[in-house]
PDB file of N, CA and C in Angstrom:
ATOM      1  N   MET A   1      -7.839  -4.580  11.778  1.00  0.00           N
ATOM      2  CA  MET A   1      -7.895  -3.619  12.684  1.00  0.00           C
ATOM      3  C   MET A   1      -8.581  -3.452  13.990  1.00  0.00           C
ATOM      4  N   PRO A   2      -8.340  -3.636  14.841  1.00  0.00           N
ATOM      5  CA  PRO A   2      -9.333  -3.967  15.866  1.00  0.00           C
ATOM      6  C   PRO A   2     -10.210  -3.445  16.378  1.00  0.00           C
ATOM      7  N   SER A   3      -9.958  -2.004  15.837  1.00  0.00           N
ATOM      8  CA  SER A   3     -11.290  -1.083  16.168  1.00  0.00           C
ATOM      9  C   SER A   3     -12.505  -1.547  15.268  1.00  0.00           C
ATOM     10  N   ARG A   4     -12.232  -2.030  13.801  1.00  0.00           N
ATOM     11  CA  ARG A   4     -13.576  -2.605  12.760  1.00  0.00           C
ATOM     12  C   ARG A   4     -13.489  -4.045  13.366  1.00  0.00           C
ATOM     13  N   LYS A   5     -12.769  -4.805  14.249  1.00  0.00           N
ATOM     14  CA  LYS A   5     -13.024  -5.957  14.466  1.00  0.00           C
ATOM     15  C   LYS A   5     -13.297  -6.748  13.527  1.00  0.00           C
ATOM     16  N   ALA A   6     -12.027  -6.543  12.769  1.00  0.00           N
ATOM     17  CA  ALA A   6     -11.744  -7.264  10.979  1.00  0.00           C
ATOM     18  C   ALA A   6     -10.430  -6.621  10.266  1.00  0.00           C
ATOM     19  N   TYR A   7      -9.835  -7.239   8.541  1.00  0.00           N
ATOM     20  CA  TYR A   7      -8.709  -7.227   8.459  1.00  0.00           C
ATOM     21  C   TYR A   7      -9.396  -5.688   7.811  1.00  0.00           C
ATOM     22  N   GLY A   8      -8.101  -4.974   7.533  1.00  0.00           N
ATOM     23  CA  GLY A   8      -8.207  -3.411   6.698  1.00  0.00           C
ATOM     24  C   GLY A   8      -7.437  -4.077   5.200  1.00  0.00           C
ATOM     25  N   GLU A   9      -7.593  -3.652   3.948  1.00  0.00           N
ATOM     26  CA  GLU A   9      -6.656  -3.196   3.398  1.00  0.00           C
ATOM     27  C   GLU A   9      -5.593  -2.923   3.130  1.00  0.00           C
ATOM     28  N   THR A  10      -4.472  -3.243   3.238  1.00  0.00           N
ATOM     29  CA  THR A  10      -3.178  -2.804   3.168  1.00  0.00           C
ATOM     30  C   THR A  10      -2.348  -2.291   1.506  1.00  0.00           C
ATOM     31  N   HIS A  11      -3.422  -3.136   0.615  1.00  0.00           N
ATOM     32  CA  HIS A  11      -2.389  -2.622  -0.705  1.00  0.00           C
ATOM     33  C   HIS A  11      -3.202  -2.846  -1.837  1.00  0.00           C
ATOM     34  N   SER A  12      -3.139  -2.722  -2.714  1.00  0.00           N
ATOM     35  CA  SER A  12      -4.326  -2.679  -3.634  1.00  0.00           C
ATOM     36  C   SER A  12      -3.692  -2.789  -5.032  1.00  0.00           C
ATOM     37  N   VAL A  13      -4.429  -3.214  -6.187  1.00  0.00           N
ATOM     38  CA  VAL A  13      -3.718  -3.772  -7.544  1.00  0.00           C
ATOM     39  C   VAL A  13      -5.110  -3.691  -8.297  1.00  0.00           C
ATOM     40  N   THR A  14      -5.054  -2.930  -9.634  1.00  0.00           N
ATOM     41  CA  THR A  14      -6.184  -3.066 -10.724  1.00  0.00           C
ATOM     42  C   THR A  14      -5.844  -2.857 -11.337  1.00  0.00           C
ATOM     43  N   SER A  15      -6.398  -3.885 -12.638  1.00  0.00           N
ATOM     44  CA  SER A  15      -5.988  -3.937 -14.197  1.00  0.00           C
ATOM     45  C   SER A  15      -7.079  -3.256 -14.188  1.00  0.00           C
ATOM     46  N   PHE A  16      -6.313  -1.741 -15.733  1.00  0.00           N
ATOM     47  CA  PHE A  16      -6.686  -1.057 -16.460  1.00  0.00           C
ATOM     48  C   PHE A  16      -6.917  -1.672 -18.081  1.00  0.00           C
ATOM     49  N   LEU A  17      -6.236  -3.184 -17.800  1.00  0.00           N
ATOM     50  CA  LEU A  17      -6.181  -3.630 -19.362  1.00  0.00           C
ATOM     51  C   LEU A  17      -5.889  -2.372 -20.317  1.00  0.00           C
ATOM     52  N   ASP A  18      -6.297  -2.110 -21.224  1.00  0.00           N
ATOM     53  CA  ASP A  18      -5.834  -0.839 -22.325  1.00  0.00           C
ATOM     54  C   ASP A  18      -6.214   0.579 -22.471  1.00  0.00           C
ATOM     55  N   PHE A  19      -6.946   0.825 -21.288  1.00  0.00           N
ATOM     56  CA  PHE A  19      -7.450   1.558 -21.012  1.00  0.00           C
ATOM     57  C   PHE A  19      -6.687   3.068 -21.024  1.00  0.00           C
ATOM     58  N   GLN A  20      -5.485   2.825 -20.000  1.00  0.00           N
ATOM     59  CA  GLN A  20      -4.757   3.834 -19.935  1.00  0.00           C
ATOM     60  C   GLN A  20      -3.429   4.305 -20.708  1.00  0.00           C
ATOM     61  N   ALA A  21      -3.369   2.834 -21.617  1.00  0.00           N
ATOM     62  CA  ALA A  21      -2.286   2.670 -22.345  1.00  0.00           C
ATOM     63  C   ALA A  21      -2.734   3.529 -23.838  1.00  0.00           C
ATOM     64  N   ARG A  22      -3.732   3.388 -23.702  1.00  0.00           N
ATOM     65  CA  ARG A  22      -4.431   4.008 -25.563  1.00  0.00           C
ATOM     66  C   ARG A  22      -4.466   5.827 -24.810  1.00  0.00           C
ATOM     67  N   ARG A  23      -4.329   6.129 -23.824  1.00  0.00           N
ATOM     68  CA  ARG A  23      -4.406   7.434 -23.613  1.00  0.00           C
ATOM     69  C   ARG A  23      -2.726   8.254 -23.577  1.00  0.00           C
ATOM     70  N   LEU A  24      -1.972   7.176 -23.341  1.00  0.00           N
ATOM     71  CA  LEU A  24      -0.733   7.554 -22.888  1.00  0.00           C
ATOM     72  C   LEU A  24       0.137   6.917 -24.543  1.00  0.00           C
ATOM     73  N   ASN A  25      -0.558   6.155 -25.383  1.00  0.00           N
ATOM     74  CA  ASN A  25       0.279   5.524 -26.352  1.00  0.00           C
ATOM     75  C   ASN A  25       0.731   4.965 -26.140  1.00  0.00           C
ATOM     76  N   LEU A  26       0.980   3.912 -25.067  1.00  0.00           N
ATOM     77  CA  LEU A  26       1.688   2.754 -24.808  1.00  0.00           C
ATOM     78  C   LEU A  26       1.662   1.764 -25.861  1.00  0.00           C
ATOM     79  N   ARG A  27       2.374   0.948 -26.541  1.00  0.00           N
ATOM     80  CA  ARG A  27       2.260   0.470 -27.337  1.00  0.00           C
ATOM     81  C   ARG A  27       3.951  -0.756 -27.404  1.00  0.00           C
ATOM     82  N   TYR A  28       3.365  -1.583 -28.362  1.00  0.00           N
ATOM     83  CA  TYR A  28       4.324  -2.956 -28.704  1.00  0.00           C
ATOM     84  C   TYR A  28       4.231  -3.688 -29.999  1.00  0.00           C
ATOM     85  N   ARG A  29       5.030  -4.188 -29.509  1.00  0.00           N
ATOM     86  CA  ARG A  29       4.881  -5.192 -31.194  1.00  0.00           C
ATOM     87  C   ARG A  29       5.034  -6.489 -30.723  1.00  0.00           C
ATOM     88  N   ASP A  30       3.806  -7.235 -31.226  1.00  0.00           N
ATOM     89  CA  ASP A  30       3.903  -8.746 -30.578  1.00  0.00           C
ATOM     90  C   ASP A  30       4.891  -9.530 -31.825  1.00  0.00           C
ATOM     91  N   SER A  31       4.694 -11.222 -31.448  1.00  0.00           N
ATOM     92  CA  SER A  31       5.783 -11.714 -31.785  1.00  0.00           C
ATOM     93  C   SER A  31       5.857 -11.480 -33.759  1.00  0.00           C
ATOM     94  N   GLU A  32       4.504 -11.656 -34.447  1.00  0.00           N
ATOM     95  CA  GLU A  32       3.367 -11.358 -35.995  1.00  0.00           C
ATOM     96  C   GLU A  32       3.661 -10.152 -36.187  1.00  0.00           C
ATOM     97  N   GLY A  33       5.174  -8.823 -35.109  1.00  0.00           N
ATOM     98  CA  GLY A  33       4.969  -8.199 -35.537  1.00  0.00           C
ATOM     99  C   GLY A  33       3.422  -6.713 -35.727  1.00  0.00           C
ATOM    100  N   LYS A  34       2.394  -7.141 -35.384  1.00  0.00           N
ATOM    101  CA  LYS A  34       1.728  -6.870 -34.976  1.00  0.00           C
ATOM    102  C   LYS A  34       1.494  -5.016 -33.755  1.00  0.00           C
ATOM    103  N   ILE A  35       1.513  -4.288 -33.917  1.00  0.00           N
ATOM    104  CA  ILE A  35       1.284  -3.102 -33.007  1.00  0.00           C
ATOM    105  C   ILE A  35      -0.236  -3.458 -31.826  1.00  0.00           C
ATOM    106  N   LYS A  36       0.147  -3.425 -30.869  1.00  0.00           N
ATOM    107  CA  LYS A  36      -0.787  -3.453 -29.487  1.00  0.00           C
ATOM    108  C   LYS A  36      -0.696  -2.764 -28.640  1.00  0.00           C
ATOM    109  N   TYR A  37      -1.916  -2.454 -27.982  1.00  0.00           N
ATOM    110  CA  TYR A  37      -1.708  -1.526 -26.747  1.00  0.00           C
ATOM    111  C   TYR A  37      -0.924  -2.454 -25.665  1.00  0.00           C
ATOM    112  N   CYS A  38      -0.616  -1.903 -24.642  1.00  0.00           N
ATOM    113  CA  CYS A  38       0.210  -2.528 -23.857  1.00  0.00           C
ATOM    114  C   CYS A  38      -1.397  -2.692 -22.726  1.00  0.00           C
ATOM    115  N   TYR A  39      -0.888  -3.706 -21.467  1.00  0.00           N
ATOM    116  CA  TYR A  39      -2.581  -3.785 -20.701  1.00  0.00           C
ATOM    117  C   TYR A  39      -1.242  -2.736 -19.549  1.00  0.00           C
ATOM    118  N   THR A  40      -2.155  -2.591 -18.362  1.00  0.00           N
ATOM    119  CA  THR A  40      -1.588  -1.498 -17.904  1.00  0.00           C
ATOM    120  C   THR A  40      -2.168  -1.848 -15.714  1.00  0.00           C
ATOM    121  N   MET A  41      -1.732  -1.837 -15.329  1.00  0.00           N
ATOM    122  CA  MET A  41      -1.790  -1.862 -13.638  1.00  0.00           C
ATOM    123  C   MET A  41      -1.790  -0.578 -12.650  1.00  0.00           C
ATOM    124  N   ASN A  42      -2.737  -0.620 -11.644  1.00  0.00           N
ATOM    125  CA  ASN A  42      -3.270   0.557 -11.263  1.00  0.00           C
ATOM    126  C   ASN A  42      -2.450   0.176  -9.701  1.00  0.00           C
ATOM    127  N   ASN A  43      -1.696   0.295  -8.999  1.00  0.00           N
ATOM    128  CA  ASN A  43      -1.008  -0.196  -7.503  1.00  0.00           C
ATOM    129  C   ASN A  43      -0.738   0.840  -6.782  1.00  0.00           C
ATOM    130  N   THR A  44      -1.147   0.307  -5.594  1.00  0.00           N
ATOM    131  CA  THR A  44      -0.686   1.010  -4.804  1.00  0.00           C
ATOM    132  C   THR A  44       0.433   0.537  -3.208  1.00  0.00           C
ATOM    133  N   ALA A  45       1.410   0.552  -3.408  1.00  0.00           N
ATOM    134  CA  ALA A  45       2.255  -0.172  -3.001  1.00  0.00           C
ATOM    135  C   ALA A  45       2.047  -0.257  -1.413  1.00  0.00           C
ATOM    136  N   ILE A  46       1.371   0.867  -0.909  1.00  0.00           N
ATOM    137  CA  ILE A  46       1.013   0.888   0.896  1.00  0.00           C
ATOM    138  C   ILE A  46       0.140   2.046   0.805  1.00  0.00           C
ATOM    139  N   ALA A  47      -1.064   1.492   1.250  1.00  0.00           N
ATOM    140  CA  ALA A  47      -2.149   3.008   2.128  1.00  0.00           C
ATOM    141  C   ALA A  47      -1.621   2.656   3.434  1.00  0.00           C
ATOM    142  N   THR A  48      -0.825   3.962   3.149  1.00  0.00           N
ATOM    143  CA  THR A  48      -0.018   4.210   4.817  1.00  0.00           C
ATOM    144  C   THR A  48      -0.874   4.621   5.631  1.00  0.00           C
ATOM    145  N   PRO A  49      -2.657   5.476   5.672  1.00  0.00           N
ATOM    146  CA  PRO A  49      -2.753   5.189   6.823  1.00  0.00           C
ATOM    147  C   PRO A  49      -3.618   4.401   7.253  1.00  0.00           C
ATOM    148  N   ARG A  50      -3.787   3.380   6.144  1.00  0.00           N
ATOM    149  CA  ARG A  50      -4.485   1.872   7.316  1.00  0.00           C
ATOM    150  C   ARG A  50      -3.511   0.990   7.652  1.00  0.00           C
ATOM    151  N   VAL A  51      -1.667   1.232   6.856  1.00  0.00           N
ATOM    152  CA  VAL A  51      -1.155   0.713   7.763  1.00  0.00           C
ATOM    153  C   VAL A  51      -0.675   1.437   9.019  1.00  0.00           C
ATOM    154  N   LEU A  52      -0.859   2.948   9.139  1.00  0.00           N
ATOM    155  CA  LEU A  52      -0.817   3.531  10.776  1.00  0.00           C
ATOM    156  C   LEU A  52      -1.210   2.944  11.813  1.00  0.00           C
ATOM    157  N   ILE A  53      -3.345   3.008  10.972  1.00  0.00           N
ATOM    158  CA  ILE A  53      -4.014   2.658  11.638  1.00  0.00           C
ATOM    159  C   ILE A  53      -4.100   1.155  12.856  1.00  0.00           C
ATOM    160  N   ALA A  54      -3.138   0.249  11.917  1.00  0.00           N
ATOM    161  CA  ALA A  54      -3.044  -0.881  12.308  1.00  0.00           C
ATOM    162  C   ALA A  54      -1.955  -1.202  13.043  1.00  0.00           C
ATOM    163  N   ILE A  55      -0.788  -0.440  12.897  1.00  0.00           N
ATOM    164  CA  ILE A  55       0.264  -0.197  13.843  1.00  0.00           C
ATOM    165  C   ILE A  55       0.017  -0.236  15.599  1.00  0.00           C
ATOM    166  N   ILE A  56      -0.692   1.588  15.080  1.00  0.00           N
ATOM    167  CA  ILE A  56      -1.454   2.324  16.209  1.00  0.00           C
ATOM    168  C   ILE A  56      -2.466   1.541  17.176  1.00  0.00           C
ATOM    169  N   GLU A  57      -3.126   0.503  16.407  1.00  0.00           N
ATOM    170  CA  GLU A  57      -4.090   0.141  17.180  1.00  0.00           C
ATOM    171  C   GLU A  57      -3.542  -1.364  17.679  1.00  0.00           C
ATOM    172  N   ASN A  58      -2.281  -1.685  17.395  1.00  0.00           N
ATOM    173  CA  ASN A  58      -2.296  -2.722  17.794  1.00  0.00           C
ATOM    174  C   ASN A  58      -1.041  -2.915  18.413  1.00  0.00           C
ATOM    175  N   ASN A  59      -0.530  -1.337  18.887  1.00  0.00           N
ATOM    176  CA  ASN A  59       0.544  -1.375  19.643  1.00  0.00           C
ATOM    177  C   ASN A  59       0.311  -0.281  20.692  1.00  0.00           C
ATOM    178  N   GLN A  60      -0.803  -0.022  20.761  1.00  0.00           N
ATOM    179  CA  GLN A  60      -1.628   1.151  21.983  1.00  0.00           C
ATOM    180  C   GLN A  60      -1.277   0.548  23.079  1.00  0.00           C
ATOM    181  N   GLN A  61      -0.570   1.330  24.160  1.00  0.00           N
ATOM    182  CA  GLN A  61       0.097   0.573  25.732  1.00  0.00           C
ATOM    183  C   GLN A  61      -1.474   1.585  26.494  1.00  0.00           C
ATOM    184  N   LYS A  62      -1.835   0.838  27.128  1.00  0.00           N
ATOM    185  CA  LYS A  62      -2.752   1.266  28.337  1.00  0.00           C
ATOM    186  C   LYS A  62      -2.577   2.999  28.805  1.00  0.00           C
ATOM    187  N   ASP A  63      -1.283   3.783  29.278  1.00  0.00           N
ATOM    188  CA  ASP A  63      -1.459   4.460  28.695  1.00  0.00           C
ATOM    189  C   ASP A  63      -1.189   5.798  27.826  1.00  0.00           C
ATOM    190  N   GLY A  64      -1.550   5.133  26.402  1.00  0.00           N
ATOM    191  CA  GLY A  64      -2.042   5.817  25.821  1.00  0.00           C
ATOM    192  C   GLY A  64      -0.562   5.994  24.832  1.00  0.00           C
ATOM    193  N   THR A  65       0.607   5.490  25.000  1.00  0.00           N
ATOM    194  CA  THR A  65       1.297   5.523  24.696  1.00  0.00           C
ATOM    195  C   THR A  65       1.303   4.169  23.277  1.00  0.00           C
ATOM    196  N   ILE A  66       2.102   5.211  22.278  1.00  0.00           N
ATOM    197  CA  ILE A  66       2.492   3.287  21.060  1.00  0.00           C
ATOM    198  C   ILE A  66       3.550   2.929  21.358  1.00  0.00           C
ATOM    199  N   LYS A  67       3.682   1.524  21.572  1.00  0.00           N
ATOM    200  CA  LYS A  67       4.970   1.028  21.501  1.00  0.00           C
ATOM    201  C   LYS A  67       5.865   0.904  19.966  1.00  0.00           C
ATOM    202  N   VAL A  68       6.604   1.227  19.173  1.00  0.00           N
ATOM    203  CA  VAL A  68       7.371   0.990  17.815  1.00  0.00           C
ATOM    204  C   VAL A  68       7.636  -0.232  17.548  1.00  0.00           C
ATOM    205  N   PRO A  69       7.417  -0.746  16.752  1.00  0.00           N
ATOM    206  CA  PRO A  69       7.353  -2.680  16.446  1.00  0.00           C
ATOM    207  C   PRO A  69       8.991  -2.181  16.068  1.00  0.00           C
ATOM    208  N   GLU A  70       9.838  -2.939  16.840  1.00  0.00           N
ATOM    209  CA  GLU A  70      11.052  -3.353  16.891  1.00  0.00           C
ATOM    210  C   GLU A  70      11.946  -3.422  14.765  1.00  0.00           C
ATOM    211  N   VAL A  71      11.235  -3.908  14.650  1.00  0.00           N
ATOM    212  CA  VAL A  71      12.010  -2.899  12.616  1.00  0.00           C
ATOM    213  C   VAL A  71      11.263  -1.516  12.500  1.00  0.00           C
ATOM    214  N   LEU A  72      10.704  -1.568  13.210  1.00  0.00           N
ATOM    215  CA  LEU A  72      10.724   0.613  12.786  1.00  0.00           C
ATOM    216  C   LEU A  72      10.963   1.656  13.448  1.00  0.00           C
ATOM    217  N   VAL A  73      12.057   0.622  14.208  1.00  0.00           N
ATOM    218  CA  VAL A  73      12.654   1.240  15.720  1.00  0.00           C
ATOM    219  C   VAL A  73      13.379   2.235  14.736  1.00  0.00           C
ATOM    220  N   PRO A  74      14.826   1.530  13.574  1.00  0.00           N
ATOM    221  CA  PRO A  74      15.234   2.109  13.193  1.00  0.00           C
ATOM    222  C   PRO A  74      14.986   3.575  12.504  1.00  0.00           C
ATOM    223  N   TYR A  75      13.393   3.358  12.524  1.00  0.00           N
ATOM    224  CA  TYR A  75      13.304   4.293  11.093  1.00  0.00           C
ATOM    225  C   TYR A  75      12.335   5.759  11.545  1.00  0.00           C
ATOM    226  N   MET A  76      11.901   5.367  12.471  1.00  0.00           N
ATOM    227  CA  MET A  76      11.427   6.244  14.099  1.00  0.00           C
ATOM    228  C   MET A  76      12.409   7.257  14.567  1.00  0.00           C
ATOM    229  N   GLY A  77      13.341   6.183  15.480  1.00  0.00           N
ATOM    230  CA  GLY A  77      14.622   6.872  16.338  1.00  0.00           C
ATOM    231  C   GLY A  77      13.768   6.638  17.394  1.00  0.00           C
ATOM    232  N   LYS A  78      13.075   6.291  17.453  1.00  0.00           N
ATOM    233  CA  LYS A  78      12.993   5.943  18.669  1.00  0.00           C
ATOM    234  C   LYS A  78      11.434   4.157  19.304  1.00  0.00           C
ATOM    235  N   LYS A  79      12.100   3.681  20.455  1.00  0.00           N
ATOM    236  CA  LYS A  79      10.633   2.872  21.074  1.00  0.00           C
ATOM    237  C   LYS A  79       9.638   3.117  21.237  1.00  0.00           C
ATOM    238  N   VAL A  80       9.216   4.393  21.674  1.00  0.00           N
ATOM    239  CA  VAL A  80       7.766   4.533  22.013  1.00  0.00           C
ATOM    240  C   VAL A  80       7.235   5.975  21.260  1.00  0.00           C
ATOM    241  N   ILE A  81       6.279   6.282  20.986  1.00  0.00           N
ATOM    242  CA  ILE A  81       5.599   7.265  20.966  1.00  0.00           C
ATOM    243  C   ILE A  81       4.492   7.833  21.749  1.00  0.00           C
ATOM    244  N   GLY A  82       5.116   8.574  22.613  1.00  0.00           N
ATOM    245  CA  GLY A  82       4.116   9.383  23.766  1.00  0.00           C
ATOM    246  C   GLY A  82       3.185  10.636  23.322  1.00  0.00           C
ATOM    247  N   LYS A  83       2.936  11.090  24.719  1.00  0.00           N
ATOM    248  CA  LYS A  83       2.087  12.627  24.396  1.00  0.00           C
ATOM    249  C   LYS A  83       3.675  13.649  24.843  1.00  0.00           C
TER     250      LYS A  83
END
């Protein structure tokens, strides 16, 4: 993120171990037949605001318009975001 002069996190994952599984009663039977709680993960596939900041800051033109990266043009339906 150019305005921060640093990289920003766009994805994250946290291990909750069995905390959520106990609340949801998520269990499995191990190879010895014992019932155990699953380990769970909390995952953000994409932190949309942070990704948008990076796209805008890295593609903003001098006139204030934003050049849409080629790979995103089919989803945006335009090549430039303007005023």
